Amino acid sequence: MVDISRTRFEELVGDALDSIPPELTAVMDNVVITVAEDPPEPGLLGLYEGIPLTERGDGYAGVLPDRILIYWREIRAICDTEEEVVEEVRITVVHEIAHHFGIGDERLHELGWG
């Protein structure tokens, strides 16, 4: 387990978001990314909750924002160095944002983002 503060972890999530190409972040809509303590099940590093962009129709209005949760304790627990945390945060952020764009786990695994 890596001993890293929550504040530093939040900075790493921000850095991961900054690495997403601007043409993608420009089309992200009604989504909030949050660092959370513990996942609802062991081993879960991130979670997307919401309606993917590909499933939103004309009736999509007045809906609470989608949520992307990044579980800082779980990521810290599987990493041995801060460099590993940086990489795992980046992978997890990209993975969950992909769900926001409607890309499922199977396709992400095919693309190497499992």
N, C-alpha and C. Protein backbone atom coordinates (compact mmCIF):
# COMPACT_ATOMS: atom_id res chain seq x y z
N MET A 1 0.85 -1.19 0.00
CA MET A 1 0.00 0.00 0.00
C MET A 1 0.88 1.24 0.00
N VAL A 2 0.48 2.21 -0.78
CA VAL A 2 1.20 3.47 -0.86
C VAL A 2 0.59 4.46 0.13
N ASP A 3 1.47 5.11 0.87
CA ASP A 3 1.03 6.14 1.82
C ASP A 3 0.99 7.47 1.08
N ILE A 4 -0.20 7.83 0.62
CA ILE A 4 -0.38 9.07 -0.14
C ILE A 4 -1.63 9.77 0.41
N SER A 5 -1.55 11.06 0.60
CA SER A 5 -2.67 11.79 1.18
C SER A 5 -3.83 11.88 0.18
N ARG A 6 -5.00 12.10 0.72
CA ARG A 6 -6.16 12.25 -0.14
C ARG A 6 -6.00 13.48 -1.03
N THR A 7 -5.44 14.54 -0.48
CA THR A 7 -5.22 15.76 -1.26
C THR A 7 -4.31 15.48 -2.45
N ARG A 8 -3.23 14.75 -2.23
CA ARG A 8 -2.31 14.40 -3.33
C ARG A 8 -3.02 13.51 -4.34
N PHE A 9 -3.82 12.56 -3.84
CA PHE A 9 -4.56 11.67 -4.73
C PHE A 9 -5.52 12.48 -5.60
N GLU A 10 -6.20 13.45 -5.01
CA GLU A 10 -7.11 14.30 -5.78
C GLU A 10 -6.36 15.07 -6.87
N GLU A 11 -5.13 15.50 -6.55
CA GLU A 11 -4.30 16.16 -7.56
C GLU A 11 -4.00 15.22 -8.72
N LEU A 12 -3.75 13.96 -8.41
CA LEU A 12 -3.46 12.97 -9.45
C LEU A 12 -4.68 12.74 -10.34
N VAL A 13 -5.87 12.74 -9.74
CA VAL A 13 -7.09 12.62 -10.54
C VAL A 13 -7.22 13.83 -11.46
N GLY A 14 -6.93 15.02 -10.93
CA GLY A 14 -6.95 16.24 -11.76
C GLY A 14 -5.95 16.16 -12.90
N ASP A 15 -4.75 15.64 -12.62
CA ASP A 15 -3.74 15.48 -13.66
C ASP A 15 -4.22 14.50 -14.73
N ALA A 16 -4.86 13.41 -14.30
CA ALA A 16 -5.39 12.43 -15.26
C ALA A 16 -6.46 13.07 -16.14
N LEU A 17 -7.30 13.89 -15.55
CA LEU A 17 -8.33 14.58 -16.33
C LEU A 17 -7.69 15.56 -17.32
N ASP A 18 -6.64 16.23 -16.89
CA ASP A 18 -5.95 17.17 -17.78
C ASP A 18 -5.30 16.47 -18.97
N SER A 19 -5.03 15.16 -18.83
CA SER A 19 -4.40 14.42 -19.92
C SER A 19 -5.39 13.95 -20.97
N ILE A 20 -6.69 14.10 -20.71
CA ILE A 20 -7.72 13.71 -21.67
C ILE A 20 -7.73 14.77 -22.78
N PRO A 21 -7.73 14.35 -24.03
CA PRO A 21 -7.74 15.34 -25.13
C PRO A 21 -8.92 16.31 -25.00
N PRO A 22 -8.66 17.61 -25.24
CA PRO A 22 -9.69 18.63 -25.09
C PRO A 22 -10.92 18.38 -25.97
N GLU A 23 -10.73 17.77 -27.13
CA GLU A 23 -11.89 17.51 -27.99
C GLU A 23 -12.84 16.49 -27.35
N LEU A 24 -12.33 15.66 -26.43
CA LEU A 24 -13.20 14.74 -25.70
C LEU A 24 -13.84 15.41 -24.49
N THR A 25 -13.05 16.13 -23.72
CA THR A 25 -13.63 16.79 -22.55
C THR A 25 -14.65 17.83 -22.94
N ALA A 26 -14.52 18.40 -24.14
CA ALA A 26 -15.47 19.41 -24.60
C ALA A 26 -16.87 18.83 -24.81
N VAL A 27 -16.96 17.53 -25.08
CA VAL A 27 -18.28 16.93 -25.31
C VAL A 27 -18.79 16.16 -24.10
N MET A 28 -18.01 16.09 -23.03
CA MET A 28 -18.52 15.49 -21.80
C MET A 28 -19.63 16.40 -21.29
N ASP A 29 -20.72 15.79 -20.84
CA ASP A 29 -21.87 16.59 -20.47
C ASP A 29 -22.54 16.06 -19.22
N ASN A 30 -22.76 16.96 -18.27
CA ASN A 30 -23.52 16.64 -17.06
C ASN A 30 -22.92 15.47 -16.30
N VAL A 31 -21.64 15.57 -16.01
CA VAL A 31 -20.93 14.50 -15.28
C VAL A 31 -20.01 15.13 -14.24
N VAL A 32 -19.98 14.52 -13.07
CA VAL A 32 -19.14 14.97 -11.96
C VAL A 32 -18.17 13.85 -11.62
N ILE A 33 -16.92 14.19 -11.42
CA ILE A 33 -15.91 13.20 -11.06
C ILE A 33 -15.50 13.47 -9.62
N THR A 34 -15.60 12.42 -8.80
CA THR A 34 -15.38 12.55 -7.36
C THR A 34 -14.43 11.48 -6.86
N VAL A 35 -13.58 11.85 -5.92
CA VAL A 35 -12.77 10.87 -5.21
C VAL A 35 -13.60 10.39 -4.03
N ALA A 36 -13.71 9.07 -3.90
CA ALA A 36 -14.51 8.47 -2.84
C ALA A 36 -13.64 7.57 -1.97
N GLU A 37 -14.10 7.32 -0.76
CA GLU A 37 -13.34 6.52 0.20
C GLU A 37 -13.25 5.06 -0.22
N ASP A 38 -14.34 4.34 -0.07
CA ASP A 38 -14.34 2.90 -0.25
C ASP A 38 -15.39 2.48 -1.27
N PRO A 39 -15.07 1.49 -2.10
CA PRO A 39 -16.02 1.03 -3.11
C PRO A 39 -17.12 0.17 -2.48
N PRO A 40 -18.23 -0.01 -3.21
CA PRO A 40 -19.31 -0.85 -2.70
C PRO A 40 -18.93 -2.33 -2.68
N GLU A 41 -17.88 -2.70 -3.42
CA GLU A 41 -17.38 -4.07 -3.39
C GLU A 41 -15.86 -4.05 -3.50
N PRO A 42 -15.18 -4.95 -2.80
CA PRO A 42 -13.71 -4.97 -2.84
C PRO A 42 -13.18 -5.15 -4.26
N GLY A 43 -12.08 -4.46 -4.53
CA GLY A 43 -11.42 -4.59 -5.82
C GLY A 43 -11.89 -3.59 -6.87
N LEU A 44 -12.95 -2.86 -6.59
CA LEU A 44 -13.47 -1.88 -7.54
C LEU A 44 -12.67 -0.59 -7.40
N LEU A 45 -12.05 -0.15 -8.49
CA LEU A 45 -11.21 1.04 -8.46
C LEU A 45 -11.96 2.31 -8.85
N GLY A 46 -12.98 2.16 -9.68
CA GLY A 46 -13.78 3.29 -10.12
C GLY A 46 -15.17 2.81 -10.49
N LEU A 47 -16.10 3.76 -10.57
CA LEU A 47 -17.48 3.41 -10.89
C LEU A 47 -18.13 4.57 -11.64
N TYR A 48 -18.82 4.22 -12.72
CA TYR A 48 -19.61 5.21 -13.47
C TYR A 48 -21.07 4.95 -13.16
N GLU A 49 -21.78 5.99 -12.75
CA GLU A 49 -23.22 5.91 -12.49
C GLU A 49 -23.90 7.00 -13.31
N GLY A 50 -24.79 6.59 -14.20
CA GLY A 50 -25.48 7.60 -14.99
C GLY A 50 -26.02 7.06 -16.29
N ILE A 51 -26.33 7.98 -17.16
CA ILE A 51 -26.86 7.65 -18.48
C ILE A 51 -25.80 8.04 -19.51
N PRO A 52 -25.19 7.05 -20.17
CA PRO A 52 -24.14 7.36 -21.15
C PRO A 52 -24.65 8.30 -22.24
N LEU A 53 -23.74 9.07 -22.80
CA LEU A 53 -24.09 10.02 -23.86
C LEU A 53 -24.81 9.33 -25.02
N THR A 54 -24.43 8.10 -25.31
CA THR A 54 -25.03 7.37 -26.43
C THR A 54 -26.47 6.95 -26.18
N GLU A 55 -26.93 7.03 -24.93
CA GLU A 55 -28.29 6.61 -24.59
C GLU A 55 -29.21 7.79 -24.27
N ARG A 56 -28.69 8.98 -24.37
CA ARG A 56 -29.50 10.16 -24.05
C ARG A 56 -30.30 10.57 -25.28
N GLY A 57 -31.58 10.70 -25.10
CA GLY A 57 -32.44 11.10 -26.20
C GLY A 57 -32.98 12.50 -26.03
N ASP A 58 -33.99 12.81 -26.81
CA ASP A 58 -34.60 14.14 -26.76
C ASP A 58 -35.21 14.45 -25.40
N GLY A 59 -35.63 13.42 -24.68
CA GLY A 59 -36.25 13.62 -23.37
C GLY A 59 -35.27 13.78 -22.23
N TYR A 60 -33.99 13.78 -22.54
CA TYR A 60 -32.97 13.92 -21.49
C TYR A 60 -32.90 15.38 -21.05
N ALA A 61 -33.48 15.65 -19.89
CA ALA A 61 -33.46 17.02 -19.35
C ALA A 61 -33.77 16.95 -17.86
N GLY A 62 -33.23 17.88 -17.12
CA GLY A 62 -33.51 17.96 -15.70
C GLY A 62 -33.02 16.76 -14.91
N VAL A 63 -31.99 16.11 -15.42
CA VAL A 63 -31.45 14.90 -14.80
C VAL A 63 -30.24 15.28 -13.94
N LEU A 64 -30.12 14.64 -12.78
CA LEU A 64 -28.94 14.87 -11.95
C LEU A 64 -27.70 14.46 -12.73
N PRO A 65 -26.56 15.07 -12.44
CA PRO A 65 -25.34 14.72 -13.17
C PRO A 65 -24.96 13.26 -12.99
N ASP A 66 -24.37 12.69 -14.03
CA ASP A 66 -23.73 11.39 -13.91
C ASP A 66 -22.61 11.54 -12.89
N ARG A 67 -22.21 10.40 -12.29
CA ARG A 67 -21.11 10.43 -11.33
C ARG A 67 -20.05 9.42 -11.73
N ILE A 68 -18.83 9.88 -11.67
CA ILE A 68 -17.69 8.98 -11.77
C ILE A 68 -17.01 9.03 -10.42
N LEU A 69 -16.91 7.87 -9.79
CA LEU A 69 -16.28 7.76 -8.49
C LEU A 69 -14.93 7.06 -8.66
N ILE A 70 -13.88 7.64 -8.10
CA ILE A 70 -12.55 7.05 -8.11
C ILE A 70 -12.22 6.72 -6.66
N TYR A 71 -12.00 5.44 -6.39
CA TYR A 71 -11.84 4.96 -5.01
C TYR A 71 -10.37 4.99 -4.58
N TRP A 72 -10.03 6.02 -3.83
CA TRP A 72 -8.63 6.27 -3.50
C TRP A 72 -8.03 5.22 -2.59
N ARG A 73 -8.76 4.71 -1.62
CA ARG A 73 -8.18 3.69 -0.73
C ARG A 73 -7.90 2.39 -1.48
N GLU A 74 -8.79 2.03 -2.38
CA GLU A 74 -8.63 0.78 -3.13
C GLU A 74 -7.44 0.87 -4.08
N ILE A 75 -7.28 2.02 -4.73
CA ILE A 75 -6.13 2.18 -5.64
C ILE A 75 -4.84 2.19 -4.84
N ARG A 76 -4.81 2.89 -3.73
CA ARG A 76 -3.61 2.90 -2.88
C ARG A 76 -3.24 1.49 -2.44
N ALA A 77 -4.25 0.68 -2.14
CA ALA A 77 -4.02 -0.66 -1.61
C ALA A 77 -3.35 -1.59 -2.61
N ILE A 78 -3.54 -1.35 -3.91
CA ILE A 78 -2.97 -2.28 -4.89
C ILE A 78 -1.65 -1.78 -5.47
N CYS A 79 -1.20 -0.61 -5.05
CA CYS A 79 0.02 -0.02 -5.60
C CYS A 79 1.14 -0.03 -4.57
N ASP A 80 2.38 -0.17 -5.08
CA ASP A 80 3.56 -0.16 -4.21
C ASP A 80 4.35 1.14 -4.26
N THR A 81 4.11 1.94 -5.31
CA THR A 81 4.84 3.20 -5.45
C THR A 81 3.87 4.29 -5.90
N GLU A 82 4.29 5.53 -5.72
CA GLU A 82 3.45 6.63 -6.20
C GLU A 82 3.33 6.60 -7.72
N GLU A 83 4.37 6.17 -8.40
CA GLU A 83 4.30 6.06 -9.86
C GLU A 83 3.21 5.09 -10.28
N GLU A 84 3.07 3.98 -9.56
CA GLU A 84 1.99 3.03 -9.85
C GLU A 84 0.62 3.66 -9.60
N VAL A 85 0.51 4.48 -8.55
CA VAL A 85 -0.75 5.17 -8.26
C VAL A 85 -1.09 6.11 -9.42
N VAL A 86 -0.11 6.86 -9.89
CA VAL A 86 -0.32 7.78 -11.01
C VAL A 86 -0.88 7.03 -12.21
N GLU A 87 -0.27 5.91 -12.55
CA GLU A 87 -0.70 5.13 -13.71
C GLU A 87 -2.09 4.52 -13.49
N GLU A 88 -2.33 3.99 -12.30
CA GLU A 88 -3.63 3.36 -12.03
C GLU A 88 -4.75 4.39 -12.01
N VAL A 89 -4.48 5.57 -11.49
CA VAL A 89 -5.47 6.65 -11.51
C VAL A 89 -5.79 7.02 -12.95
N ARG A 90 -4.78 7.17 -13.77
CA ARG A 90 -4.99 7.53 -15.18
C ARG A 90 -5.83 6.48 -15.89
N ILE A 91 -5.48 5.23 -15.70
CA ILE A 91 -6.23 4.14 -16.33
C ILE A 91 -7.67 4.13 -15.85
N THR A 92 -7.87 4.29 -14.56
CA THR A 92 -9.22 4.25 -13.99
C THR A 92 -10.06 5.43 -14.47
N VAL A 93 -9.49 6.62 -14.51
CA VAL A 93 -10.22 7.80 -14.98
C VAL A 93 -10.62 7.61 -16.45
N VAL A 94 -9.69 7.18 -17.28
CA VAL A 94 -10.01 6.97 -18.70
C VAL A 94 -11.09 5.90 -18.84
N HIS A 95 -10.98 4.82 -18.09
CA HIS A 95 -11.95 3.73 -18.14
C HIS A 95 -13.36 4.22 -17.82
N GLU A 96 -13.50 4.99 -16.75
CA GLU A 96 -14.82 5.46 -16.33
C GLU A 96 -15.37 6.53 -17.27
N ILE A 97 -14.50 7.38 -17.80
CA ILE A 97 -14.95 8.37 -18.79
C ILE A 97 -15.44 7.65 -20.04
N ALA A 98 -14.78 6.57 -20.41
CA ALA A 98 -15.22 5.79 -21.57
C ALA A 98 -16.65 5.30 -21.37
N HIS A 99 -16.99 4.91 -20.15
CA HIS A 99 -18.38 4.50 -19.87
C HIS A 99 -19.35 5.66 -20.09
N HIS A 100 -18.94 6.86 -19.73
CA HIS A 100 -19.75 8.06 -19.97
C HIS A 100 -20.03 8.23 -21.47
N PHE A 101 -19.06 7.83 -22.30
CA PHE A 101 -19.22 7.90 -23.75
C PHE A 101 -19.92 6.68 -24.33
N GLY A 102 -20.33 5.76 -23.45
CA GLY A 102 -21.08 4.60 -23.90
C GLY A 102 -20.25 3.40 -24.29
N ILE A 103 -18.99 3.39 -23.93
CA ILE A 103 -18.11 2.27 -24.24
C ILE A 103 -18.15 1.29 -23.07
N GLY A 104 -18.53 0.05 -23.36
CA GLY A 104 -18.68 -0.96 -22.33
C GLY A 104 -17.37 -1.64 -21.96
N ASP A 105 -17.43 -2.42 -20.89
CA ASP A 105 -16.24 -3.12 -20.38
C ASP A 105 -15.63 -4.05 -21.42
N GLU A 106 -16.46 -4.79 -22.15
CA GLU A 106 -15.94 -5.72 -23.13
C GLU A 106 -15.08 -5.01 -24.17
N ARG A 107 -15.59 -3.91 -24.70
CA ARG A 107 -14.84 -3.15 -25.70
C ARG A 107 -13.58 -2.53 -25.09
N LEU A 108 -13.67 -2.05 -23.86
CA LEU A 108 -12.49 -1.49 -23.19
C LEU A 108 -11.41 -2.55 -23.03
N HIS A 109 -11.81 -3.76 -22.69
CA HIS A 109 -10.83 -4.84 -22.57
C HIS A 109 -10.18 -5.12 -23.92
N GLU A 110 -10.97 -5.11 -24.98
CA GLU A 110 -10.42 -5.32 -26.33
C GLU A 110 -9.39 -4.25 -26.68
N LEU A 111 -9.64 -3.04 -26.21
CA LEU A 111 -8.75 -1.91 -26.49
C LEU A 111 -7.56 -1.82 -25.54
N GLY A 112 -7.52 -2.72 -24.55
CA GLY A 112 -6.42 -2.73 -23.60
C GLY A 112 -6.61 -1.84 -22.39
N TRP A 113 -7.83 -1.40 -22.14
CA TRP A 113 -8.13 -0.54 -20.99
C TRP A 113 -8.89 -1.32 -19.92
N GLY A 114 -8.64 -2.61 -19.81
CA GLY A 114 -9.36 -3.48 -18.89
C GLY A 114 -9.13 -3.15 -17.49
